[in-house]
Amino acid sequence: MSVSDKIKSLLQLKGVKNKDLADYLGITPQSMRNKFTRGSFSADDLIKISDFLGCKLYFDVDEDVKIALTTDDLRQSGE
């Protein structure tokens, strides 16, 4: 299952429309469709999407170590 498919599934589970996600990301619905078609989600996009949907995004190192990515990890403008 592609990243796009996983995000679409999460949106459906949460009852959120693509337009709502596009609005949250500050992009047009057409740009959102393009991201889904191309699978062109940046790390920042994925962090924002997980925050918007109330999900956790993390690296699962092993049973005891999980490193979460949060909005604190977003690049600042100009970085």
Protein backbone atom coordinates (compact mmCIF):
# COMPACT_ATOMS: atom_id res chain seq x y z
CA MET A 1 0.00 0.00 0.00
CA SER A 2 1.43 3.38 -1.02
CA VAL A 3 1.80 6.38 1.28
CA SER A 4 -1.02 8.07 -0.67
CA ASP A 5 -3.28 5.08 -0.11
CA LYS A 6 -2.48 5.04 3.60
CA ILE A 7 -3.26 8.75 3.95
CA LYS A 8 -6.52 8.29 2.03
CA SER A 9 -7.45 5.42 4.37
CA LEU A 10 -6.71 7.56 7.43
CA LEU A 11 -8.81 10.40 6.03
CA GLN A 12 -11.69 8.00 5.48
CA LEU A 13 -11.34 6.51 8.98
CA LYS A 14 -11.35 9.98 10.53
CA GLY A 15 -14.20 11.23 8.30
CA VAL A 16 -12.09 14.03 6.84
CA LYS A 17 -12.32 15.26 3.26
CA ASN A 18 -9.33 15.92 1.01
CA LYS A 19 -10.40 19.58 0.81
CA ASP A 20 -10.19 19.90 4.61
CA LEU A 21 -6.67 18.52 4.56
CA ALA A 22 -5.72 20.82 1.67
CA ASP A 23 -7.05 23.81 3.64
CA TYR A 24 -5.04 22.74 6.70
CA LEU A 25 -1.87 22.39 4.62
CA GLY A 26 -2.51 25.76 2.97
CA ILE A 27 -2.67 24.36 -0.56
CA THR A 28 -5.38 24.17 -3.21
CA PRO A 29 -7.52 21.04 -3.62
CA GLN A 30 -5.84 20.55 -7.04
CA SER A 31 -2.39 20.59 -5.41
CA MET A 32 -3.68 18.07 -2.88
CA ARG A 33 -4.88 15.79 -5.69
CA ASN A 34 -1.47 16.12 -7.36
CA LYS A 35 0.28 15.08 -4.13
CA PHE A 36 -1.93 11.99 -3.95
CA THR A 37 -1.37 11.14 -7.61
CA ARG A 38 2.40 11.58 -7.44
CA GLY A 39 2.86 10.38 -3.87
CA SER A 40 4.88 13.55 -3.33
CA PHE A 41 4.51 14.08 0.41
CA SER A 42 7.45 15.68 2.20
CA ALA A 43 8.44 14.81 5.76
CA ASP A 44 6.90 18.13 6.83
CA ASP A 45 3.66 17.20 5.04
CA LEU A 46 3.51 13.87 6.85
CA ILE A 47 4.12 15.49 10.24
CA LYS A 48 1.39 18.07 9.59
CA ILE A 49 -1.02 15.39 8.34
CA SER A 50 -0.45 13.22 11.41
CA ASP A 51 -1.03 16.25 13.66
CA PHE A 52 -4.20 17.21 11.75
CA LEU A 53 -5.59 13.68 12.01
CA GLY A 54 -4.60 13.21 15.64
CA CYS A 55 -2.21 10.36 14.79
CA LYS A 56 1.37 9.68 15.77
CA LEU A 57 4.21 9.48 13.28
CA TYR A 58 7.33 7.79 14.55
CA PHE A 59 10.35 5.64 13.86
CA ASP A 60 9.91 2.22 15.45
CA VAL A 61 13.49 1.31 16.38
CA ASP A 62 12.63 -1.73 18.47
CA GLU A 63 10.12 -2.82 21.12
CA ASP A 64 11.38 -0.27 23.62
CA VAL A 65 12.51 2.63 21.43
CA LYS A 66 10.18 4.75 19.34
CA ILE A 67 11.17 8.21 18.14
CA ALA A 68 8.17 10.45 17.49
CA LEU A 69 8.06 13.14 14.84
CA THR A 70 5.96 16.11 15.92
CA THR A 71 5.24 19.66 14.79
CA ASP A 72 8.27 20.71 16.86
CA ASP A 73 10.37 18.97 14.19
CA LEU A 74 9.02 21.07 11.32
CA ARG A 75 11.54 23.16 9.43
CA GLN A 76 11.28 26.86 10.05
CA SER A 77 10.96 29.19 7.05
CA GLY A 78 14.34 29.81 5.50
CA GLU A 79 15.99 26.61 6.76
